[in-house]
PDB file of N, CA and C in Angstrom:
ATOM      1  N   UNK A   1       0.811  -1.152  -0.070  1.00  0.00           N
ATOM      2  CA  UNK A   1       0.095   0.080  -0.272  1.00  0.00           C
ATOM      3  C   UNK A   1       0.462   0.922   0.408  1.00  0.00           C
ATOM      4  N   UNK A   2       1.630   1.523   1.046  1.00  0.00           N
ATOM      5  CA  UNK A   2       2.854   2.125   0.873  1.00  0.00           C
ATOM      6  C   UNK A   2       3.470   2.121  -0.533  1.00  0.00           C
ATOM      7  N   UNK A   3       4.080   1.590  -1.003  1.00  0.00           N
ATOM      8  CA  UNK A   3       4.535   1.600  -2.266  1.00  0.00           C
ATOM      9  C   UNK A   3       3.988   2.376  -3.116  1.00  0.00           C
ATOM     10  N   UNK A   4       2.374   1.796  -3.421  1.00  0.00           N
ATOM     11  CA  UNK A   4       1.580   2.678  -4.307  1.00  0.00           C
ATOM     12  C   UNK A   4       1.091   3.730  -4.002  1.00  0.00           C
ATOM     13  N   UNK A   5       1.471   4.438  -3.255  1.00  0.00           N
ATOM     14  CA  UNK A   5       1.025   5.675  -2.865  1.00  0.00           C
ATOM     15  C   UNK A   5       2.209   6.250  -3.078  1.00  0.00           C
ATOM     16  N   UNK A   6       3.465   5.635  -2.577  1.00  0.00           N
ATOM     17  CA  UNK A   6       4.696   6.270  -3.430  1.00  0.00           C
ATOM     18  C   UNK A   6       4.761   6.855  -4.773  1.00  0.00           C
ATOM     19  N   UNK A   7       4.210   5.388  -5.369  1.00  0.00           N
ATOM     20  CA  UNK A   7       4.384   5.657  -6.570  1.00  0.00           C
ATOM     21  C   UNK A   7       3.412   6.405  -7.387  1.00  0.00           C
ATOM     22  N   UNK A   8       2.260   6.618  -6.552  1.00  0.00           N
ATOM     23  CA  UNK A   8       1.238   7.488  -7.389  1.00  0.00           C
ATOM     24  C   UNK A   8       1.664   8.924  -6.857  1.00  0.00           C
ATOM     25  N   UNK A   9       2.384   9.382  -5.801  1.00  0.00           N
ATOM     26  CA  UNK A   9       2.622  10.885  -5.762  1.00  0.00           C
ATOM     27  C   UNK A   9       4.100  11.143  -6.264  1.00  0.00           C
ATOM     28  N   UNK A  10       4.926  10.216  -6.742  1.00  0.00           N
ATOM     29  CA  UNK A  10       6.076  10.642  -7.581  1.00  0.00           C
ATOM     30  C   UNK A  10       5.621  10.750  -8.928  1.00  0.00           C
ATOM     31  N   UNK A  11       5.070   9.952  -9.223  1.00  0.00           N
ATOM     32  CA  UNK A  11       4.150  10.079 -10.730  1.00  0.00           C
ATOM     33  C   UNK A  11       5.246  10.099 -11.871  1.00  0.00           C
ATOM     34  N   UNK A  12       4.698   9.538 -13.288  1.00  0.00           N
ATOM     35  CA  UNK A  12       5.847   9.655 -14.068  1.00  0.00           C
ATOM     36  C   UNK A  12       6.089  10.595 -14.719  1.00  0.00           C
ATOM     37  N   UNK A  13       7.207  11.194 -15.495  1.00  0.00           N
ATOM     38  CA  UNK A  13       7.237  11.844 -16.051  1.00  0.00           C
ATOM     39  C   UNK A  13       6.077  12.676 -17.307  1.00  0.00           C
ATOM     40  N   UNK A  14       5.817  11.559 -17.889  1.00  0.00           N
ATOM     41  CA  UNK A  14       4.886  11.734 -18.995  1.00  0.00           C
ATOM     42  C   UNK A  14       3.648  12.081 -18.228  1.00  0.00           C
ATOM     43  N   UNK A  15       3.265  11.699 -16.995  1.00  0.00           N
ATOM     44  CA  UNK A  15       2.059  11.916 -16.436  1.00  0.00           C
ATOM     45  C   UNK A  15       2.334  13.773 -15.720  1.00  0.00           C
ATOM     46  N   UNK A  16       3.234  13.937 -15.579  1.00  0.00           N
ATOM     47  CA  UNK A  16       3.658  15.301 -15.215  1.00  0.00           C
ATOM     48  C   UNK A  16       3.674  16.145 -16.404  1.00  0.00           C
ATOM     49  N   UNK A  17       3.994  15.506 -17.593  1.00  0.00           N
ATOM     50  CA  UNK A  17       3.549  16.774 -18.966  1.00  0.00           C
ATOM     51  C   UNK A  17       2.691  16.940 -19.440  1.00  0.00           C
ATOM     52  N   UNK A  18       1.474  15.573 -19.008  1.00  0.00           N
ATOM     53  CA  UNK A  18       0.303  15.851 -19.562  1.00  0.00           C
ATOM     54  C   UNK A  18      -0.485  16.565 -18.724  1.00  0.00           C
ATOM     55  N   UNK A  19      -0.224  16.693 -17.034  1.00  0.00           N
ATOM     56  CA  UNK A  19      -0.692  17.788 -16.292  1.00  0.00           C
ATOM     57  C   UNK A  19      -0.465  18.874 -16.891  1.00  0.00           C
ATOM     58  N   UNK A  20       1.010  19.278 -17.116  1.00  0.00           N
ATOM     59  CA  UNK A  20       1.561  20.960 -17.652  1.00  0.00           C
ATOM     60  C   UNK A  20       0.575  21.196 -18.736  1.00  0.00           C
ATOM     61  N   UNK A  21       0.484  20.218 -19.407  1.00  0.00           N
ATOM     62  CA  UNK A  21       0.026  20.460 -20.910  1.00  0.00           C
ATOM     63  C   UNK A  21      -1.509  20.973 -20.659  1.00  0.00           C
ATOM     64  N   UNK A  22      -2.236  20.084 -19.407  1.00  0.00           N
ATOM     65  CA  UNK A  22      -3.594  19.881 -19.339  1.00  0.00           C
ATOM     66  C   UNK A  22      -3.868  21.775 -18.551  1.00  0.00           C
ATOM     67  N   UNK A  23      -3.172  22.246 -18.059  1.00  0.00           N
ATOM     68  CA  UNK A  23      -3.101  23.243 -17.174  1.00  0.00           C
ATOM     69  C   UNK A  23      -2.989  24.343 -17.844  1.00  0.00           C
ATOM     70  N   UNK A  24      -2.254  24.772 -18.902  1.00  0.00           N
ATOM     71  CA  UNK A  24      -1.653  25.356 -20.137  1.00  0.00           C
ATOM     72  C   UNK A  24      -2.704  25.635 -21.216  1.00  0.00           C
ATOM     73  N   UNK A  25      -3.372  24.509 -21.425  1.00  0.00           N
ATOM     74  CA  UNK A  25      -4.322  24.418 -22.437  1.00  0.00           C
ATOM     75  C   UNK A  25      -5.624  25.403 -21.260  1.00  0.00           C
ATOM     76  N   UNK A  26      -5.952  24.814 -20.252  1.00  0.00           N
ATOM     77  CA  UNK A  26      -6.604  25.557 -19.063  1.00  0.00           C
ATOM     78  C   UNK A  26      -6.755  27.539 -19.473  1.00  0.00           C
ATOM     79  N   UNK A  27      -5.613  27.260 -18.643  1.00  0.00           N
ATOM     80  CA  UNK A  27      -5.072  29.280 -19.088  1.00  0.00           C
ATOM     81  C   UNK A  27      -5.701  29.791 -20.271  1.00  0.00           C
ATOM     82  N   UNK A  28      -5.237  28.903 -21.077  1.00  0.00           N
ATOM     83  CA  UNK A  28      -5.179  30.120 -22.689  1.00  0.00           C
ATOM     84  C   UNK A  28      -6.989  29.997 -22.703  1.00  0.00           C
ATOM     85  N   UNK A  29      -7.471  28.683 -22.164  1.00  0.00           N
ATOM     86  CA  UNK A  29      -9.143  29.220 -22.517  1.00  0.00           C
ATOM     87  C   UNK A  29      -9.364  29.866 -21.891  1.00  0.00           C
ATOM     88  N   UNK A  30      -9.653  30.099 -20.389  1.00  0.00           N
ATOM     89  CA  UNK A  30      -9.808  30.965 -19.796  1.00  0.00           C
ATOM     90  C   UNK A  30      -9.239  32.239 -19.915  1.00  0.00           C
ATOM     91  N   UNK A  31      -7.968  32.606 -20.741  1.00  0.00           N
ATOM     92  CA  UNK A  31      -7.459  33.853 -21.145  1.00  0.00           C
ATOM     93  C   UNK A  31      -8.390  34.546 -22.441  1.00  0.00           C
ATOM     94  N   UNK A  32      -8.520  33.578 -23.222  1.00  0.00           N
ATOM     95  CA  UNK A  32      -9.550  33.552 -24.397  1.00  0.00           C
ATOM     96  C   UNK A  32     -10.599  34.117 -24.115  1.00  0.00           C
ATOM     97  N   UNK A  33     -11.553  33.704 -22.933  1.00  0.00           N
ATOM     98  CA  UNK A  33     -12.619  33.908 -22.528  1.00  0.00           C
ATOM     99  C   UNK A  33     -13.116  35.300 -22.300  1.00  0.00           C
ATOM    100  N   UNK A  34     -11.650  35.160 -21.344  1.00  0.00           N
ATOM    101  CA  UNK A  34     -11.762  37.210 -21.020  1.00  0.00           C
ATOM    102  C   UNK A  34     -11.851  37.752 -21.630  1.00  0.00           C
ATOM    103  N   UNK A  35     -10.805  37.749 -22.741  1.00  0.00           N
ATOM    104  CA  UNK A  35     -10.550  38.935 -23.562  1.00  0.00           C
ATOM    105  C   UNK A  35     -11.990  38.573 -25.046  1.00  0.00           C
ATOM    106  N   UNK A  36     -12.246  37.786 -24.971  1.00  0.00           N
ATOM    107  CA  UNK A  36     -13.568  37.680 -25.967  1.00  0.00           C
ATOM    108  C   UNK A  36     -14.563  38.471 -24.808  1.00  0.00           C
ATOM    109  N   UNK A  37     -14.686  38.133 -23.739  1.00  0.00           N
ATOM    110  CA  UNK A  37     -16.142  39.029 -23.108  1.00  0.00           C
ATOM    111  C   UNK A  37     -15.734  40.797 -23.017  1.00  0.00           C
ATOM    112  N   UNK A  38     -14.463  40.528 -22.951  1.00  0.00           N
ATOM    113  CA  UNK A  38     -13.842  42.585 -22.906  1.00  0.00           C
ATOM    114  C   UNK A  38     -14.524  42.863 -24.386  1.00  0.00           C
ATOM    115  N   UNK A  39     -14.085  42.267 -25.183  1.00  0.00           N
ATOM    116  CA  UNK A  39     -14.414  42.669 -26.842  1.00  0.00           C
ATOM    117  C   UNK A  39     -16.084  42.840 -26.985  1.00  0.00           C
ATOM    118  N   UNK A  40     -16.551  42.005 -26.322  1.00  0.00           N
ATOM    119  CA  UNK A  40     -18.115  41.822 -26.461  1.00  0.00           C
ATOM    120  C   UNK A  40     -18.535  43.112 -25.627  1.00  0.00           C
ATOM    121  N   UNK A  41     -18.330  43.482 -23.993  1.00  0.00           N
ATOM    122  CA  UNK A  41     -18.467  44.759 -23.801  1.00  0.00           C
ATOM    123  C   UNK A  41     -18.119  45.915 -24.364  1.00  0.00           C
ATOM    124  N   UNK A  42     -17.225  45.524 -25.276  1.00  0.00           N
ATOM    125  CA  UNK A  42     -16.890  47.054 -25.569  1.00  0.00           C
ATOM    126  C   UNK A  42     -17.690  47.384 -26.962  1.00  0.00           C
ATOM    127  N   UNK A  43     -17.988  46.338 -27.891  1.00  0.00           N
ATOM    128  CA  UNK A  43     -19.012  46.357 -28.749  1.00  0.00           C
ATOM    129  C   UNK A  43     -20.058  46.835 -28.497  1.00  0.00           C
ATOM    130  N   UNK A  44     -20.984  46.278 -26.960  1.00  0.00           N
ATOM    131  CA  UNK A  44     -22.226  46.502 -27.081  1.00  0.00           C
ATOM    132  C   UNK A  44     -22.021  48.165 -26.240  1.00  0.00           C
ATOM    133  N   UNK A  45     -20.899  48.933 -25.851  1.00  0.00           N
ATOM    134  CA  UNK A  45     -21.057  50.139 -25.812  1.00  0.00           C
ATOM    135  C   UNK A  45     -21.037  50.972 -26.652  1.00  0.00           C
ATOM    136  N   UNK A  46     -20.186  50.566 -27.457  1.00  0.00           N
ATOM    137  CA  UNK A  46     -19.838  51.006 -29.049  1.00  0.00           C
ATOM    138  C   UNK A  46     -21.426  50.981 -29.740  1.00  0.00           C
ATOM    139  N   UNK A  47     -22.270  49.833 -29.405  1.00  0.00           N
ATOM    140  CA  UNK A  47     -23.345  49.783 -30.655  1.00  0.00           C
ATOM    141  C   UNK A  47     -24.690  50.808 -29.593  1.00  0.00           C
ATOM    142  N   UNK A  48     -24.614  50.871 -28.094  1.00  0.00           N
ATOM    143  CA  UNK A  48     -25.377  51.622 -27.521  1.00  0.00           C
ATOM    144  C   UNK A  48     -25.111  53.215 -27.739  1.00  0.00           C
ATOM    145  N   UNK A  49     -23.781  53.459 -27.906  1.00  0.00           N
ATOM    146  CA  UNK A  49     -23.907  54.824 -28.147  1.00  0.00           C
ATOM    147  C   UNK A  49     -24.031  55.179 -29.305  1.00  0.00           C
ATOM    148  N   UNK A  50     -23.670  54.380 -30.519  1.00  0.00           N
ATOM    149  CA  UNK A  50     -23.922  54.570 -32.196  1.00  0.00           C
ATOM    150  C   UNK A  50     -25.997  54.583 -31.954  1.00  0.00           C
ATOM    151  N   UNK A  51     -26.264  54.256 -31.449  1.00  0.00           N
ATOM    152  CA  UNK A  51     -28.000  54.061 -31.202  1.00  0.00           C
ATOM    153  C   UNK A  51     -28.102  55.343 -30.242  1.00  0.00           C
ATOM    154  N   UNK A  52     -27.995  55.564 -29.361  1.00  0.00           N
ATOM    155  CA  UNK A  52     -28.047  56.882 -28.713  1.00  0.00           C
ATOM    156  C   UNK A  52     -28.532  56.403 -27.337  1.00  0.00           C
ATOM    157  N   UNK A  53     -28.369  55.224 -27.033  1.00  0.00           N
ATOM    158  CA  UNK A  53     -29.212  54.801 -25.760  1.00  0.00           C
ATOM    159  C   UNK A  53     -28.642  55.429 -24.382  1.00  0.00           C
TER     160      UNK A  53
END
């Protein structure tokens, strides 16, 4: 049991690499969502200003 926990805690190089890739992709997706939502807000404000509301 202890050996299994040690092996799991240490992990393999490939598992760490996959986890890092996943974390990077998640950060990129979150960043993209933030930038996109900011652009949507700017576009909505410009449209509202153009309409005169």
